[in-house]
Structures are given as C-alpha cells and as structure tokens.
PDB file of N, CA and C in Angstrom:
ATOM      1  N   UNK A   1      25.065  75.823 -39.355  1.00  0.00           N
ATOM      2  CA  UNK A   1      25.309  76.531 -40.576  1.00  0.00           C
ATOM      3  C   UNK A   1      25.080  75.573 -41.763  1.00  0.00           C
ATOM      4  N   UNK A   2      24.519  76.164 -42.811  1.00  0.00           N
ATOM      5  CA  UNK A   2      24.210  75.332 -43.963  1.00  0.00           C
ATOM      6  C   UNK A   2      25.447  74.794 -44.684  1.00  0.00           C
ATOM      7  N   UNK A   3      25.176  73.760 -45.422  1.00  0.00           N
ATOM      8  CA  UNK A   3      26.279  73.123 -46.157  1.00  0.00           C
ATOM      9  C   UNK A   3      26.935  74.068 -47.135  1.00  0.00           C
ATOM     10  N   UNK A   4      26.133  74.884 -47.807  1.00  0.00           N
ATOM     11  CA  UNK A   4      26.617  75.887 -48.763  1.00  0.00           C
ATOM     12  C   UNK A   4      27.468  76.941 -48.085  1.00  0.00           C
ATOM     13  N   UNK A   5      26.981  77.412 -46.937  1.00  0.00           N
ATOM     14  CA  UNK A   5      27.718  78.405 -46.234  1.00  0.00           C
ATOM     15  C   UNK A   5      29.066  77.909 -45.730  1.00  0.00           C
ATOM     16  N   UNK A   6      29.077  76.679 -45.249  1.00  0.00           N
ATOM     17  CA  UNK A   6      30.302  76.010 -44.766  1.00  0.00           C
ATOM     18  C   UNK A   6      31.234  75.888 -45.885  1.00  0.00           C
ATOM     19  N   UNK A   7      30.836  75.525 -47.142  1.00  0.00           N
ATOM     20  CA  UNK A   7      31.776  75.397 -48.281  1.00  0.00           C
ATOM     21  C   UNK A   7      32.351  76.735 -48.607  1.00  0.00           C
ATOM     22  N   UNK A   8      31.552  77.800 -48.584  1.00  0.00           N
ATOM     23  CA  UNK A   8      32.029  79.173 -48.910  1.00  0.00           C
ATOM     24  C   UNK A   8      33.118  79.609 -47.861  1.00  0.00           C
ATOM     25  N   UNK A   9      32.807  79.321 -46.588  1.00  0.00           N
ATOM     26  CA  UNK A   9      33.809  79.716 -45.567  1.00  0.00           C
ATOM     27  C   UNK A   9      35.072  78.997 -45.763  1.00  0.00           C
ATOM     28  N   UNK A  10      35.036  77.701 -46.038  1.00  0.00           N
ATOM     29  CA  UNK A  10      36.211  76.928 -46.271  1.00  0.00           C
ATOM     30  C   UNK A  10      37.013  77.435 -47.462  1.00  0.00           C
ATOM     31  N   UNK A  11      36.318  77.810 -48.544  1.00  0.00           N
ATOM     32  CA  UNK A  11      37.038  78.352 -49.723  1.00  0.00           C
ATOM     33  C   UNK A  11      37.656  79.708 -49.411  1.00  0.00           C
ATOM     34  N   UNK A  12      37.011  80.514 -48.628  1.00  0.00           N
ATOM     35  CA  UNK A  12      37.556  81.816 -48.268  1.00  0.00           C
ATOM     36  C   UNK A  12      38.822  81.622 -47.366  1.00  0.00           C
ATOM     37  N   UNK A  13      38.732  80.669 -46.453  1.00  0.00           N
ATOM     38  CA  UNK A  13      39.856  80.412 -45.564  1.00  0.00           C
ATOM     39  C   UNK A  13      41.081  79.896 -46.330  1.00  0.00           C
ATOM     40  N   UNK A  14      40.878  79.229 -47.437  1.00  0.00           N
ATOM     41  CA  UNK A  14      41.970  78.699 -48.238  1.00  0.00           C
ATOM     42  C   UNK A  14      42.594  79.772 -49.149  1.00  0.00           C
ATOM     43  N   UNK A  15      41.904  80.855 -49.351  1.00  0.00           N
ATOM     44  CA  UNK A  15      42.394  81.969 -50.180  1.00  0.00           C
ATOM     45  C   UNK A  15      43.483  82.742 -49.488  1.00  0.00           C
ATOM     46  N   UNK A  16      44.336  83.475 -50.256  1.00  0.00           N
ATOM     47  CA  UNK A  16      45.344  84.373 -49.660  1.00  0.00           C
ATOM     48  C   UNK A  16      44.663  85.382 -48.770  1.00  0.00           C
ATOM     49  N   UNK A  17      45.469  85.876 -47.793  1.00  0.00           N
ATOM     50  CA  UNK A  17      44.934  86.840 -46.835  1.00  0.00           C
ATOM     51  C   UNK A  17      44.414  88.075 -47.502  1.00  0.00           C
ATOM     52  N   UNK A  18      45.061  88.575 -48.551  1.00  0.00           N
ATOM     53  CA  UNK A  18      44.567  89.706 -49.265  1.00  0.00           C
ATOM     54  C   UNK A  18      43.143  89.522 -49.834  1.00  0.00           C
ATOM     55  N   UNK A  19      42.926  88.331 -50.306  1.00  0.00           N
ATOM     56  CA  UNK A  19      41.591  88.035 -50.919  1.00  0.00           C
ATOM     57  C   UNK A  19      40.581  87.899 -49.757  1.00  0.00           C
ATOM     58  N   UNK A  20      40.955  87.348 -48.611  1.00  0.00           N
ATOM     59  CA  UNK A  20      40.078  87.226 -47.513  1.00  0.00           C
ATOM     60  C   UNK A  20      39.659  88.596 -47.000  1.00  0.00           C
ATOM     61  N   UNK A  21      40.674  89.542 -46.971  1.00  0.00           N
ATOM     62  CA  UNK A  21      40.350  90.949 -46.566  1.00  0.00           C
ATOM     63  C   UNK A  21      39.327  91.615 -47.601  1.00  0.00           C
ATOM     64  N   UNK A  22      39.564  91.366 -48.813  1.00  0.00           N
ATOM     65  CA  UNK A  22      38.751  91.864 -49.874  1.00  0.00           C
ATOM     66  C   UNK A  22      37.313  91.426 -49.739  1.00  0.00           C
ATOM     67  N   UNK A  23      37.185  90.094 -49.508  1.00  0.00           N
ATOM     68  CA  UNK A  23      35.836  89.528 -49.359  1.00  0.00           C
ATOM     69  C   UNK A  23      35.133  90.067 -48.142  1.00  0.00           C
ATOM     70  N   UNK A  24      35.930  90.173 -46.998  1.00  0.00           N
ATOM     71  CA  UNK A  24      35.251  90.706 -45.779  1.00  0.00           C
ATOM     72  C   UNK A  24      34.839  92.130 -45.989  1.00  0.00           C
ATOM     73  N   UNK A  25      35.613  93.009 -46.706  1.00  0.00           N
ATOM     74  CA  UNK A  25      35.312  94.316 -46.980  1.00  0.00           C
ATOM     75  C   UNK A  25      34.001  94.451 -47.756  1.00  0.00           C
ATOM     76  N   UNK A  26      33.943  93.661 -48.773  1.00  0.00           N
ATOM     77  CA  UNK A  26      32.779  93.720 -49.706  1.00  0.00           C
ATOM     78  C   UNK A  26      31.547  93.288 -48.946  1.00  0.00           C
ATOM     79  N   UNK A  27      31.629  92.267 -48.136  1.00  0.00           N
ATOM     80  CA  UNK A  27      30.448  91.724 -47.374  1.00  0.00           C
ATOM     81  C   UNK A  27      29.974  92.816 -46.381  1.00  0.00           C
ATOM     82  N   UNK A  28      30.936  93.435 -45.676  1.00  0.00           N
ATOM     83  CA  UNK A  28      30.529  94.453 -44.733  1.00  0.00           C
ATOM     84  C   UNK A  28      29.863  95.688 -45.431  1.00  0.00           C
ATOM     85  N   UNK A  29      30.469  96.063 -46.565  1.00  0.00           N
ATOM     86  CA  UNK A  29      29.913  97.238 -47.270  1.00  0.00           C
ATOM     87  C   UNK A  29      28.511  96.956 -47.817  1.00  0.00           C
ATOM     88  N   UNK A  30      28.400  95.840 -48.461  1.00  0.00           N
ATOM     89  CA  UNK A  30      27.099  95.464 -49.173  1.00  0.00           C
ATOM     90  C   UNK A  30      26.011  95.065 -48.250  1.00  0.00           C
ATOM     91  N   UNK A  31      26.387  94.224 -47.248  1.00  0.00           N
ATOM     92  CA  UNK A  31      25.309  93.684 -46.366  1.00  0.00           C
ATOM     93  C   UNK A  31      24.996  94.636 -45.174  1.00  0.00           C
ATOM     94  N   UNK A  32      25.995  95.318 -44.678  1.00  0.00           N
ATOM     95  CA  UNK A  32      25.773  96.148 -43.476  1.00  0.00           C
ATOM     96  C   UNK A  32      25.959  97.649 -43.628  1.00  0.00           C
ATOM     97  N   UNK A  33      26.344  98.027 -44.837  1.00  0.00           N
ATOM     98  CA  UNK A  33      26.594  99.486 -45.064  1.00  0.00           C
ATOM     99  C   UNK A  33      27.781 100.027 -44.355  1.00  0.00           C
ATOM    100  N   UNK A  34      28.710  99.200 -43.963  1.00  0.00           N
ATOM    101  CA  UNK A  34      29.882  99.671 -43.256  1.00  0.00           C
ATOM    102  C   UNK A  34      30.919 100.029 -44.298  1.00  0.00           C
ATOM    103  N   UNK A  35      31.649 101.111 -44.083  1.00  0.00           N
ATOM    104  CA  UNK A  35      32.723 101.526 -44.989  1.00  0.00           C
ATOM    105  C   UNK A  35      33.993 101.354 -44.287  1.00  0.00           C
ATOM    106  N   UNK A  36      34.965 100.814 -45.049  1.00  0.00           N
ATOM    107  CA  UNK A  36      36.341 100.592 -44.475  1.00  0.00           C
ATOM    108  C   UNK A  36      37.042 101.886 -44.424  1.00  0.00           C
ATOM    109  N   UNK A  37      37.702 102.211 -43.377  1.00  0.00           N
ATOM    110  CA  UNK A  37      38.519 103.417 -43.246  1.00  0.00           C
ATOM    111  C   UNK A  37      39.961 103.133 -43.398  1.00  0.00           C
ATOM    112  N   UNK A  38      40.341 102.276 -44.248  1.00  0.00           N
ATOM    113  CA  UNK A  38      41.719 101.894 -44.392  1.00  0.00           C
ATOM    114  C   UNK A  38      42.548 102.997 -45.029  1.00  0.00           C
ATOM    115  N   UNK A  39      41.915 104.050 -45.614  1.00  0.00           N
ATOM    116  CA  UNK A  39      42.720 105.087 -46.228  1.00  0.00           C
ATOM    117  C   UNK A  39      43.135 106.084 -45.194  1.00  0.00           C
ATOM    118  N   UNK A  40      42.529 106.176 -44.076  1.00  0.00           N
ATOM    119  CA  UNK A  40      42.910 107.140 -43.013  1.00  0.00           C
ATOM    120  C   UNK A  40      44.059 106.588 -42.257  1.00  0.00           C
ATOM    121  N   UNK A  41      45.186 107.380 -42.154  1.00  0.00           N
ATOM    122  CA  UNK A  41      46.378 106.845 -41.441  1.00  0.00           C
ATOM    123  C   UNK A  41      46.075 106.779 -39.947  1.00  0.00           C
ATOM    124  N   UNK A  42      46.567 105.762 -39.352  1.00  0.00           N
ATOM    125  CA  UNK A  42      46.420 105.605 -37.868  1.00  0.00           C
ATOM    126  C   UNK A  42      47.507 106.354 -37.218  1.00  0.00           C
ATOM    127  N   UNK A  43      47.156 107.031 -36.096  1.00  0.00           N
ATOM    128  CA  UNK A  43      48.188 107.801 -35.339  1.00  0.00           C
ATOM    129  C   UNK A  43      49.236 106.828 -34.784  1.00  0.00           C
ATOM    130  N   UNK A  44      50.409 107.391 -34.772  1.00  0.00           N
ATOM    131  CA  UNK A  44      51.536 106.651 -34.184  1.00  0.00           C
ATOM    132  C   UNK A  44      51.520 106.807 -32.692  1.00  0.00           C
ATOM    133  N   UNK A  45      52.147 105.879 -31.998  1.00  0.00           N
ATOM    134  CA  UNK A  45      52.211 105.882 -30.535  1.00  0.00           C
ATOM    135  C   UNK A  45      52.804 107.159 -29.979  1.00  0.00           C
ATOM    136  N   UNK A  46      53.866 107.645 -30.648  1.00  0.00           N
ATOM    137  CA  UNK A  46      54.507 108.881 -30.266  1.00  0.00           C
ATOM    138  C   UNK A  46      53.581 110.042 -30.355  1.00  0.00           C
ATOM    139  N   UNK A  47      52.680 110.093 -31.371  1.00  0.00           N
ATOM    140  CA  UNK A  47      51.733 111.176 -31.499  1.00  0.00           C
ATOM    141  C   UNK A  47      50.738 111.114 -30.383  1.00  0.00           C
ATOM    142  N   UNK A  48      50.256 109.933 -30.042  1.00  0.00           N
ATOM    143  CA  UNK A  48      49.273 109.788 -28.972  1.00  0.00           C
ATOM    144  C   UNK A  48      49.935 110.196 -27.636  1.00  0.00           C
ATOM    145  N   UNK A  49      51.098 109.674 -27.350  1.00  0.00           N
ATOM    146  CA  UNK A  49      51.751 109.949 -26.122  1.00  0.00           C
ATOM    147  C   UNK A  49      52.078 111.383 -25.978  1.00  0.00           C
ATOM    148  N   UNK A  50      52.362 112.059 -27.057  1.00  0.00           N
ATOM    149  CA  UNK A  50      52.706 113.502 -27.018  1.00  0.00           C
ATOM    150  C   UNK A  50      51.591 114.387 -26.615  1.00  0.00           C
ATOM    151  N   UNK A  51      50.369 113.883 -26.667  1.00  0.00           N
ATOM    152  CA  UNK A  51      49.164 114.678 -26.272  1.00  0.00           C
ATOM    153  C   UNK A  51      49.010 114.741 -24.809  1.00  0.00           C
ATOM    154  N   UNK A  52      49.584 113.851 -24.053  1.00  0.00           N
ATOM    155  CA  UNK A  52      49.387 113.732 -22.637  1.00  0.00           C
ATOM    156  C   UNK A  52      50.655 114.128 -21.932  1.00  0.00           C
ATOM    157  N   UNK A  53      50.485 114.941 -20.873  1.00  0.00           N
ATOM    158  CA  UNK A  53      51.581 115.365 -20.092  1.00  0.00           C
ATOM    159  C   UNK A  53      51.355 114.966 -18.635  1.00  0.00           C
ATOM    160  N   UNK A  54      52.330 114.478 -17.952  1.00  0.00           N
ATOM    161  CA  UNK A  54      52.200 114.043 -16.587  1.00  0.00           C
ATOM    162  C   UNK A  54      52.118 115.336 -15.747  1.00  0.00           C
ATOM    163  N   UNK A  55      51.258 115.314 -14.718  1.00  0.00           N
ATOM    164  CA  UNK A  55      51.106 116.445 -13.818  1.00  0.00           C
ATOM    165  C   UNK A  55      51.975 116.201 -12.625  1.00  0.00           C
ATOM    166  N   UNK A  56      52.699 117.183 -12.190  1.00  0.00           N
ATOM    167  CA  UNK A  56      53.435 117.056 -10.963  1.00  0.00           C
ATOM    168  C   UNK A  56      52.528 116.752  -9.761  1.00  0.00           C
ATOM    169  N   UNK A  57      53.042 116.140  -8.753  1.00  0.00           N
ATOM    170  CA  UNK A  57      52.284 115.750  -7.606  1.00  0.00           C
ATOM    171  C   UNK A  57      51.618 116.922  -6.886  1.00  0.00           C
ATOM    172  N   UNK A  58      52.262 118.096  -6.956  1.00  0.00           N
ATOM    173  CA  UNK A  58      51.666 119.279  -6.358  1.00  0.00           C
ATOM    174  C   UNK A  58      50.477 119.821  -7.036  1.00  0.00           C
ATOM    175  N   UNK A  59      50.137 119.302  -8.280  1.00  0.00           N
ATOM    176  CA  UNK A  59      49.054 119.739  -8.959  1.00  0.00           C
ATOM    177  C   UNK A  59      47.733 118.960  -8.732  1.00  0.00           C
ATOM    178  N   UNK A  60      47.763 118.182  -7.679  1.00  0.00           N
ATOM    179  CA  UNK A  60      46.540 117.390  -7.374  1.00  0.00           C
ATOM    180  C   UNK A  60      45.351 118.378  -6.987  1.00  0.00           C
ATOM    181  N   UNK A  61      44.216 118.007  -7.438  1.00  0.00           N
ATOM    182  CA  UNK A  61      43.061 118.872  -7.136  1.00  0.00           C
ATOM    183  C   UNK A  61      42.650 118.836  -5.686  1.00  0.00           C
ATOM    184  N   UNK A  62      41.896 119.762  -5.237  1.00  0.00           N
ATOM    185  CA  UNK A  62      41.474 119.864  -3.869  1.00  0.00           C
ATOM    186  C   UNK A  62      40.658 118.662  -3.439  1.00  0.00           C
ATOM    187  N   UNK A  63      39.746 118.144  -4.284  1.00  0.00           N
ATOM    188  CA  UNK A  63      38.899 117.026  -3.927  1.00  0.00           C
ATOM    189  C   UNK A  63      39.757 115.787  -3.707  1.00  0.00           C
ATOM    190  N   UNK A  64      40.731 115.523  -4.514  1.00  0.00           N
ATOM    191  CA  UNK A  64      41.613 114.418  -4.318  1.00  0.00           C
ATOM    192  C   UNK A  64      42.399 114.545  -3.042  1.00  0.00           C
ATOM    193  N   UNK A  65      42.884 115.706  -2.788  1.00  0.00           N
ATOM    194  CA  UNK A  65      43.652 115.939  -1.536  1.00  0.00           C
ATOM    195  C   UNK A  65      42.786 115.728  -0.314  1.00  0.00           C
ATOM    196  N   UNK A  66      41.590 116.194  -0.356  1.00  0.00           N
ATOM    197  CA  UNK A  66      40.659 115.983   0.852  1.00  0.00           C
ATOM    198  C   UNK A  66      40.349 114.502   0.993  1.00  0.00           C
ATOM    199  N   UNK A  67      40.211 113.796  -0.093  1.00  0.00           N
ATOM    200  CA  UNK A  67      39.967 112.362  -0.031  1.00  0.00           C
ATOM    201  C   UNK A  67      41.121 111.640   0.637  1.00  0.00           C
ATOM    202  N   UNK A  68      42.306 111.944   0.252  1.00  0.00           N
ATOM    203  CA  UNK A  68      43.491 111.375   0.833  1.00  0.00           C
ATOM    204  C   UNK A  68      43.629 111.635   2.305  1.00  0.00           C
ATOM    205  N   UNK A  69      43.381 112.915   2.645  1.00  0.00           N
ATOM    206  CA  UNK A  69      43.421 113.270   4.057  1.00  0.00           C
ATOM    207  C   UNK A  69      42.353 112.554   4.901  1.00  0.00           C
ATOM    208  N   UNK A  70      41.179 112.376   4.324  1.00  0.00           N
ATOM    209  CA  UNK A  70      40.122 111.667   5.022  1.00  0.00           C
ATOM    210  C   UNK A  70      40.440 110.204   5.287  1.00  0.00           C
ATOM    211  N   UNK A  71      41.048 109.596   4.291  1.00  0.00           N
ATOM    212  CA  UNK A  71      41.530 108.197   4.444  1.00  0.00           C
ATOM    213  C   UNK A  71      42.582 108.095   5.535  1.00  0.00           C
ATOM    214  N   UNK A  72      43.554 108.952   5.461  1.00  0.00           N
ATOM    215  CA  UNK A  72      44.602 108.960   6.497  1.00  0.00           C
ATOM    216  C   UNK A  72      44.025 109.221   7.902  1.00  0.00           C
ATOM    217  N   UNK A  73      43.117 110.083   7.993  1.00  0.00           N
ATOM    218  CA  UNK A  73      42.508 110.414   9.335  1.00  0.00           C
ATOM    219  C   UNK A  73      41.730 109.217   9.818  1.00  0.00           C
ATOM    220  N   UNK A  74      41.063 108.460   8.902  1.00  0.00           N
ATOM    221  CA  UNK A  74      40.289 107.380   9.411  1.00  0.00           C
ATOM    222  C   UNK A  74      41.173 106.199   9.847  1.00  0.00           C
ATOM    223  N   UNK A  75      42.357 106.121   9.219  1.00  0.00           N
ATOM    224  CA  UNK A  75      43.334 105.090   9.701  1.00  0.00           C
ATOM    225  C   UNK A  75      43.871 105.417  11.035  1.00  0.00           C
ATOM    226  N   UNK A  76      44.074 106.638  11.385  1.00  0.00           N
ATOM    227  CA  UNK A  76      44.585 107.134  12.655  1.00  0.00           C
ATOM    228  C   UNK A  76      43.476 106.947  13.734  1.00  0.00           C
ATOM    229  N   UNK A  77      42.250 107.278  13.383  1.00  0.00           N
ATOM    230  CA  UNK A  77      41.207 107.292  14.326  1.00  0.00           C
ATOM    231  C   UNK A  77      40.677 105.906  14.760  1.00  0.00           C
ATOM    232  N   UNK A  78      40.812 104.971  13.912  1.00  0.00           N
ATOM    233  CA  UNK A  78      40.374 103.532  14.211  1.00  0.00           C
ATOM    234  C   UNK A  78      41.496 102.758  14.809  1.00  0.00           C
ATOM    235  N   UNK A  79      41.366 102.253  16.001  1.00  0.00           N
ATOM    236  CA  UNK A  79      42.392 101.418  16.570  1.00  0.00           C
ATOM    237  C   UNK A  79      42.473 100.039  15.889  1.00  0.00           C
ATOM    238  N   UNK A  80      43.634  99.527  15.752  1.00  0.00           N
ATOM    239  CA  UNK A  80      43.801  98.242  15.128  1.00  0.00           C
ATOM    240  C   UNK A  80      43.609  97.170  16.225  1.00  0.00           C
ATOM    241  N   UNK A  81      43.054  95.962  15.900  1.00  0.00           N
ATOM    242  CA  UNK A  81      42.779  94.905  16.877  1.00  0.00           C
ATOM    243  C   UNK A  81      44.016  94.186  17.307  1.00  0.00           C
TER     244      UNK A  81
END
C-alpha cells in the first residue's frame, strides 16, 4: 500500500466511528455505485421466527419416509461382524 493510502487509513481509524461509517458509505457510493440501505428497517427475530411453523412428525413426505425405511431395512439385512 502506498504511503499516502496508509496515512489516509490511519487518519480514518483515528476518527470517531460515525465519521468512519460516513467515509465508508461515501467511498462505496462514489467508487462502486453501492447504495446504503440503512433507511430500511431490519426485521426482528420474532418476525422472522413467526414465518416458520414446525411440522408435526406425521407430516413427513413420502420420499423421506421411504428413505428412512430403506436405511432401516439395510441395517437389518446386513449382518454385523
């Protein structure tokens, strides 16, 4: 890394966290065209967990059930040493 770049990095690291974030945002937007989505609220854990419901064991699909039966049958069919 060049001496000038090293000096800039050191100055940024010494700045308050809010300034570091601002510099990072500006660099990403100007150099790479990335836009910060800080205005969009992030979903809470409860919202994400509420989307998924546990299925009862009886609700296993046929393919899974046949797979389990095949494994069990192969354990019975092969003698142990």
